[in-house]
Amino acid sequence: MLTAVDHVQLAAPPGSEDLLRAYYIGVLGMTETPKPPALAARGGCWFEAGDVRLHLGTERDFRPARKAHPGLRATGIDAFAARLAAHGAPVAWDGLLPGYRRFHSEDPVGNRLEFLEPV
């Protein structure tokens, strides 16, 4: 029986770890989780905030995820959207999901991210 999602993995180009840290830590407010040494040798970064865990793994032939994406719950979504916009991240509001306020954005390597808050 499934009980929870442990993490979501997104891809990133090799050598983008500092760019990812600046965004996921500095903009989204997540913290970096150390990777086990055997996995750290592969590159990439792991981040978490509360129960949310995102793993960014490097991929030589990287292409950003434009459709597939994690849906991340947020509180104070208007202020959160303003924070992302102030850091130069795109914010595209979408009112099509009943019961939620939500917007789509993308990380600095082009992966699609959805942020939503129940209303």
N, C-alpha and C. Protein backbone atom coordinates (compact mmCIF):
# COMPACT_ATOMS: atom_id res chain seq x y z
N MET A 1 0.85 -1.18 0.00
CA MET A 1 0.00 0.00 0.00
C MET A 1 0.89 1.24 0.00
N LEU A 2 0.59 2.18 -0.87
CA LEU A 2 1.32 3.45 -0.92
C LEU A 2 0.86 4.34 0.22
N THR A 3 1.79 5.06 0.82
CA THR A 3 1.43 5.93 1.94
C THR A 3 1.81 7.40 1.73
N ALA A 4 2.77 7.67 0.85
CA ALA A 4 3.20 9.06 0.63
C ALA A 4 4.14 9.11 -0.57
N VAL A 5 4.36 10.29 -1.06
CA VAL A 5 5.40 10.51 -2.06
C VAL A 5 6.66 10.89 -1.27
N ASP A 6 7.72 10.13 -1.45
CA ASP A 6 8.96 10.41 -0.72
C ASP A 6 9.67 11.63 -1.30
N HIS A 7 9.78 11.70 -2.62
CA HIS A 7 10.42 12.83 -3.28
C HIS A 7 10.04 12.86 -4.75
N VAL A 8 10.32 13.97 -5.38
CA VAL A 8 10.15 14.11 -6.82
C VAL A 8 11.52 14.44 -7.39
N GLN A 9 11.89 13.76 -8.46
CA GLN A 9 13.19 14.01 -9.10
C GLN A 9 12.97 14.83 -10.37
N LEU A 10 13.76 15.87 -10.52
CA LEU A 10 13.81 16.67 -11.73
C LEU A 10 15.23 16.60 -12.28
N ALA A 11 15.37 16.83 -13.56
CA ALA A 11 16.69 16.79 -14.19
C ALA A 11 17.24 18.20 -14.33
N ALA A 12 18.56 18.26 -14.47
CA ALA A 12 19.25 19.52 -14.67
C ALA A 12 20.53 19.25 -15.45
N PRO A 13 21.06 20.26 -16.12
CA PRO A 13 22.30 20.04 -16.86
C PRO A 13 23.49 19.91 -15.91
N PRO A 14 24.50 19.15 -16.31
CA PRO A 14 25.71 19.04 -15.48
C PRO A 14 26.31 20.42 -15.23
N GLY A 15 26.81 20.61 -14.02
CA GLY A 15 27.45 21.87 -13.66
C GLY A 15 26.51 22.97 -13.24
N SER A 16 25.21 22.69 -13.10
CA SER A 16 24.24 23.73 -12.76
C SER A 16 23.93 23.79 -11.26
N GLU A 17 24.67 23.06 -10.45
CA GLU A 17 24.35 22.96 -9.02
C GLU A 17 24.30 24.32 -8.32
N ASP A 18 25.25 25.22 -8.58
CA ASP A 18 25.23 26.52 -7.92
C ASP A 18 24.01 27.34 -8.32
N LEU A 19 23.62 27.27 -9.57
CA LEU A 19 22.42 27.95 -10.05
C LEU A 19 21.18 27.37 -9.36
N LEU A 20 21.13 26.05 -9.23
CA LEU A 20 20.01 25.39 -8.56
C LEU A 20 19.95 25.78 -7.08
N ARG A 21 21.10 25.81 -6.42
CA ARG A 21 21.13 26.19 -5.00
C ARG A 21 20.62 27.62 -4.82
N ALA A 22 21.05 28.53 -5.69
CA ALA A 22 20.61 29.92 -5.59
C ALA A 22 19.09 30.02 -5.68
N TYR A 23 18.49 29.22 -6.53
CA TYR A 23 17.04 29.26 -6.72
C TYR A 23 16.29 28.51 -5.61
N TYR A 24 16.61 27.24 -5.45
CA TYR A 24 15.83 26.42 -4.51
C TYR A 24 16.04 26.83 -3.06
N ILE A 25 17.22 27.33 -2.72
CA ILE A 25 17.46 27.82 -1.36
C ILE A 25 17.11 29.31 -1.26
N GLY A 26 17.70 30.12 -2.12
CA GLY A 26 17.55 31.56 -2.03
C GLY A 26 16.20 32.10 -2.41
N VAL A 27 15.53 31.48 -3.37
CA VAL A 27 14.23 31.97 -3.84
C VAL A 27 13.08 31.19 -3.20
N LEU A 28 13.13 29.86 -3.27
CA LEU A 28 12.02 29.05 -2.72
C LEU A 28 12.12 28.87 -1.21
N GLY A 29 13.29 29.11 -0.62
CA GLY A 29 13.42 28.99 0.83
C GLY A 29 13.61 27.56 1.33
N MET A 30 14.04 26.67 0.46
CA MET A 30 14.27 25.28 0.85
C MET A 30 15.67 25.17 1.46
N THR A 31 15.96 24.03 2.06
CA THR A 31 17.30 23.75 2.55
C THR A 31 17.88 22.59 1.77
N GLU A 32 19.20 22.60 1.63
CA GLU A 32 19.85 21.50 0.92
C GLU A 32 20.06 20.33 1.87
N THR A 33 19.76 19.14 1.39
CA THR A 33 19.98 17.91 2.13
C THR A 33 21.20 17.22 1.55
N PRO A 34 22.17 16.87 2.38
CA PRO A 34 23.36 16.20 1.83
C PRO A 34 22.98 14.87 1.16
N LYS A 35 23.60 14.62 0.02
CA LYS A 35 23.40 13.34 -0.67
C LYS A 35 24.39 12.33 -0.10
N PRO A 36 24.02 11.06 -0.06
CA PRO A 36 25.00 10.04 0.34
C PRO A 36 26.21 10.11 -0.59
N PRO A 37 27.43 9.86 -0.07
CA PRO A 37 28.64 10.01 -0.89
C PRO A 37 28.59 9.30 -2.24
N ALA A 38 28.08 8.08 -2.28
CA ALA A 38 28.04 7.35 -3.56
C ALA A 38 27.16 8.06 -4.58
N LEU A 39 26.10 8.73 -4.12
CA LEU A 39 25.21 9.45 -5.03
C LEU A 39 25.71 10.86 -5.30
N ALA A 40 26.41 11.46 -4.35
CA ALA A 40 26.94 12.82 -4.54
C ALA A 40 27.93 12.85 -5.70
N ALA A 41 28.63 11.76 -5.93
CA ALA A 41 29.60 11.70 -7.02
C ALA A 41 28.94 11.88 -8.39
N ARG A 42 27.64 11.66 -8.47
CA ARG A 42 26.90 11.80 -9.74
C ARG A 42 26.53 13.24 -10.04
N GLY A 43 26.71 14.15 -9.08
CA GLY A 43 26.29 15.53 -9.24
C GLY A 43 24.84 15.72 -8.82
N GLY A 44 24.36 16.93 -8.97
CA GLY A 44 22.99 17.24 -8.59
C GLY A 44 22.89 17.68 -7.15
N CYS A 45 21.66 17.99 -6.72
CA CYS A 45 21.40 18.51 -5.37
C CYS A 45 20.05 17.98 -4.89
N TRP A 46 19.92 17.85 -3.59
CA TRP A 46 18.65 17.49 -2.97
C TRP A 46 18.21 18.64 -2.07
N PHE A 47 16.91 18.96 -2.11
CA PHE A 47 16.37 20.06 -1.31
C PHE A 47 15.11 19.60 -0.59
N GLU A 48 14.83 20.26 0.54
CA GLU A 48 13.59 19.97 1.25
C GLU A 48 13.07 21.20 1.99
N ALA A 49 11.77 21.18 2.23
CA ALA A 49 11.08 22.19 3.03
C ALA A 49 9.88 21.48 3.64
N GLY A 50 9.89 21.29 4.95
CA GLY A 50 8.83 20.51 5.58
C GLY A 50 8.82 19.10 5.02
N ASP A 51 7.66 18.65 4.54
CA ASP A 51 7.53 17.32 3.96
C ASP A 51 7.83 17.28 2.46
N VAL A 52 8.19 18.40 1.88
CA VAL A 52 8.46 18.49 0.45
C VAL A 52 9.94 18.17 0.20
N ARG A 53 10.19 17.19 -0.67
CA ARG A 53 11.57 16.85 -1.03
C ARG A 53 11.70 16.82 -2.54
N LEU A 54 12.66 17.58 -3.04
CA LEU A 54 12.95 17.61 -4.47
C LEU A 54 14.39 17.21 -4.69
N HIS A 55 14.60 16.29 -5.61
CA HIS A 55 15.94 15.87 -5.98
C HIS A 55 16.20 16.37 -7.39
N LEU A 56 17.30 17.06 -7.60
CA LEU A 56 17.71 17.53 -8.91
C LEU A 56 18.93 16.72 -9.31
N GLY A 57 18.76 15.89 -10.33
CA GLY A 57 19.84 15.05 -10.81
C GLY A 57 20.35 15.55 -12.15
N THR A 58 21.64 15.46 -12.36
CA THR A 58 22.20 15.95 -13.62
C THR A 58 22.04 14.90 -14.72
N GLU A 59 21.84 15.43 -15.91
CA GLU A 59 21.62 14.58 -17.08
C GLU A 59 22.38 15.21 -18.26
N ARG A 60 23.27 14.45 -18.85
CA ARG A 60 24.12 14.98 -19.92
C ARG A 60 23.30 15.54 -21.08
N ASP A 61 22.29 14.84 -21.52
CA ASP A 61 21.44 15.31 -22.62
C ASP A 61 20.18 15.98 -22.08
N PHE A 62 20.36 16.88 -21.12
CA PHE A 62 19.25 17.51 -20.41
C PHE A 62 18.31 18.26 -21.33
N ARG A 63 17.02 18.05 -21.09
CA ARG A 63 15.94 18.86 -21.67
C ARG A 63 14.99 19.18 -20.53
N PRO A 64 14.62 20.44 -20.33
CA PRO A 64 13.73 20.78 -19.22
C PRO A 64 12.36 20.14 -19.38
N ALA A 65 11.75 19.82 -18.25
CA ALA A 65 10.39 19.28 -18.24
C ALA A 65 9.43 20.46 -18.44
N ARG A 66 8.77 20.51 -19.58
CA ARG A 66 7.86 21.62 -19.90
C ARG A 66 6.42 21.29 -19.56
N LYS A 67 6.06 20.01 -19.53
CA LYS A 67 4.69 19.60 -19.20
C LYS A 67 4.66 18.91 -17.84
N ALA A 68 5.46 17.85 -17.69
CA ALA A 68 5.53 17.15 -16.41
C ALA A 68 6.08 18.11 -15.36
N HIS A 69 5.53 18.05 -14.14
CA HIS A 69 5.95 19.00 -13.11
C HIS A 69 5.48 18.54 -11.74
N PRO A 70 6.16 18.99 -10.68
CA PRO A 70 5.62 18.78 -9.34
C PRO A 70 4.60 19.88 -9.04
N GLY A 71 3.57 19.52 -8.33
CA GLY A 71 2.59 20.49 -7.82
C GLY A 71 2.93 20.73 -6.36
N LEU A 72 3.34 21.93 -6.02
CA LEU A 72 3.83 22.25 -4.68
C LEU A 72 2.84 23.14 -3.95
N ARG A 73 2.34 22.67 -2.81
CA ARG A 73 1.41 23.46 -2.02
C ARG A 73 2.15 24.61 -1.35
N ALA A 74 1.51 25.75 -1.33
CA ALA A 74 2.09 26.94 -0.72
C ALA A 74 1.05 27.62 0.16
N THR A 75 1.51 28.38 1.14
CA THR A 75 0.63 29.25 1.91
C THR A 75 1.02 30.68 1.56
N GLY A 76 0.05 31.57 1.65
CA GLY A 76 0.32 32.96 1.27
C GLY A 76 0.79 33.04 -0.17
N ILE A 77 0.01 32.43 -1.06
CA ILE A 77 0.45 32.25 -2.45
C ILE A 77 0.68 33.56 -3.19
N ASP A 78 -0.06 34.61 -2.85
CA ASP A 78 0.17 35.90 -3.52
C ASP A 78 1.55 36.44 -3.19
N ALA A 79 1.92 36.40 -1.91
CA ALA A 79 3.25 36.86 -1.51
C ALA A 79 4.33 35.96 -2.09
N PHE A 80 4.03 34.67 -2.16
CA PHE A 80 5.00 33.73 -2.72
C PHE A 80 5.23 34.02 -4.20
N ALA A 81 4.15 34.27 -4.94
CA ALA A 81 4.27 34.62 -6.36
C ALA A 81 5.06 35.92 -6.52
N ALA A 82 4.81 36.89 -5.66
CA ALA A 82 5.53 38.16 -5.73
C ALA A 82 7.02 37.95 -5.46
N ARG A 83 7.32 37.05 -4.53
CA ARG A 83 8.73 36.74 -4.22
C ARG A 83 9.44 36.15 -5.45
N LEU A 84 8.78 35.20 -6.12
CA LEU A 84 9.37 34.60 -7.31
C LEU A 84 9.56 35.64 -8.41
N ALA A 85 8.53 36.46 -8.63
CA ALA A 85 8.62 37.49 -9.67
C ALA A 85 9.74 38.48 -9.38
N ALA A 86 9.91 38.83 -8.09
CA ALA A 86 10.97 39.77 -7.72
C ALA A 86 12.36 39.20 -8.00
N HIS A 87 12.46 37.88 -8.04
CA HIS A 87 13.73 37.23 -8.35
C HIS A 87 13.84 36.88 -9.84
N GLY A 88 12.90 37.39 -10.64
CA GLY A 88 12.98 37.20 -12.09
C GLY A 88 12.36 35.91 -12.61
N ALA A 89 11.71 35.14 -11.74
CA ALA A 89 11.06 33.91 -12.19
C ALA A 89 9.70 34.24 -12.81
N PRO A 90 9.31 33.55 -13.86
CA PRO A 90 8.00 33.80 -14.46
C PRO A 90 6.88 33.34 -13.52
N VAL A 91 5.77 34.05 -13.55
CA VAL A 91 4.59 33.70 -12.77
C VAL A 91 3.39 33.78 -13.70
N ALA A 92 2.78 32.62 -13.99
CA ALA A 92 1.62 32.57 -14.88
C ALA A 92 0.44 31.99 -14.10
N TRP A 93 -0.47 32.87 -13.70
CA TRP A 93 -1.64 32.43 -12.92
C TRP A 93 -2.58 31.62 -13.80
N ASP A 94 -3.24 30.66 -13.16
CA ASP A 94 -4.16 29.77 -13.86
C ASP A 94 -5.35 29.52 -12.94
N GLY A 95 -6.52 29.96 -13.32
CA GLY A 95 -7.71 29.81 -12.49
C GLY A 95 -8.58 28.63 -12.88
N LEU A 96 -8.03 27.64 -13.54
CA LEU A 96 -8.82 26.53 -14.08
C LEU A 96 -9.06 25.37 -13.12
N LEU A 97 -8.40 25.35 -11.96
CA LEU A 97 -8.56 24.24 -11.02
C LEU A 97 -9.46 24.68 -9.87
N PRO A 98 -10.72 24.21 -9.84
CA PRO A 98 -11.64 24.64 -8.79
C PRO A 98 -11.09 24.32 -7.40
N GLY A 99 -11.29 25.28 -6.50
CA GLY A 99 -10.88 25.08 -5.11
C GLY A 99 -9.44 25.47 -4.82
N TYR A 100 -8.72 25.97 -5.82
CA TYR A 100 -7.32 26.33 -5.63
C TYR A 100 -7.00 27.65 -6.32
N ARG A 101 -6.07 28.39 -5.75
CA ARG A 101 -5.38 29.46 -6.46
C ARG A 101 -4.05 28.86 -6.85
N ARG A 102 -3.66 29.04 -8.10
CA ARG A 102 -2.40 28.43 -8.52
C ARG A 102 -1.74 29.23 -9.64
N PHE A 103 -0.44 29.01 -9.72
CA PHE A 103 0.33 29.58 -10.83
C PHE A 103 1.43 28.61 -11.21
N HIS A 104 1.91 28.78 -12.43
CA HIS A 104 3.03 27.99 -12.93
C HIS A 104 4.24 28.90 -13.06
N SER A 105 5.40 28.31 -12.86
CA SER A 105 6.65 29.02 -13.00
C SER A 105 7.67 28.04 -13.55
N GLU A 106 8.93 28.40 -13.53
CA GLU A 106 9.96 27.46 -13.91
C GLU A 106 11.23 27.76 -13.13
N ASP A 107 12.01 26.71 -12.93
CA ASP A 107 13.27 26.89 -12.22
C ASP A 107 14.31 27.47 -13.20
N PRO A 108 15.51 27.78 -12.73
CA PRO A 108 16.47 28.45 -13.61
C PRO A 108 16.99 27.62 -14.78
N VAL A 109 16.69 26.31 -14.80
CA VAL A 109 17.10 25.50 -15.95
C VAL A 109 15.90 25.14 -16.83
N GLY A 110 14.73 25.74 -16.52
CA GLY A 110 13.57 25.60 -17.38
C GLY A 110 12.55 24.54 -17.01
N ASN A 111 12.72 23.85 -15.88
CA ASN A 111 11.73 22.86 -15.45
C ASN A 111 10.46 23.56 -14.97
N ARG A 112 9.31 23.06 -15.40
CA ARG A 112 8.02 23.61 -15.00
C ARG A 112 7.74 23.26 -13.54
N LEU A 113 7.21 24.23 -12.81
CA LEU A 113 6.81 24.04 -11.41
C LEU A 113 5.42 24.64 -11.23
N GLU A 114 4.57 23.94 -10.51
CA GLU A 114 3.23 24.45 -10.19
C GLU A 114 3.16 24.72 -8.69
N PHE A 115 2.62 25.88 -8.33
CA PHE A 115 2.43 26.25 -6.93
C PHE A 115 0.94 26.47 -6.73
N LEU A 116 0.38 25.86 -5.68
CA LEU A 116 -1.05 25.98 -5.47
C LEU A 116 -1.39 26.06 -4.00
N GLU A 117 -2.51 26.73 -3.74
CA GLU A 117 -3.02 26.89 -2.37
C GLU A 117 -4.52 26.66 -2.39
N PRO A 118 -5.03 25.79 -1.51
CA PRO A 118 -6.48 25.60 -1.44
C PRO A 118 -7.17 26.87 -1.00
N VAL A 119 -8.38 27.11 -1.54
CA VAL A 119 -9.17 28.27 -1.12
C VAL A 119 -10.40 27.82 -0.36
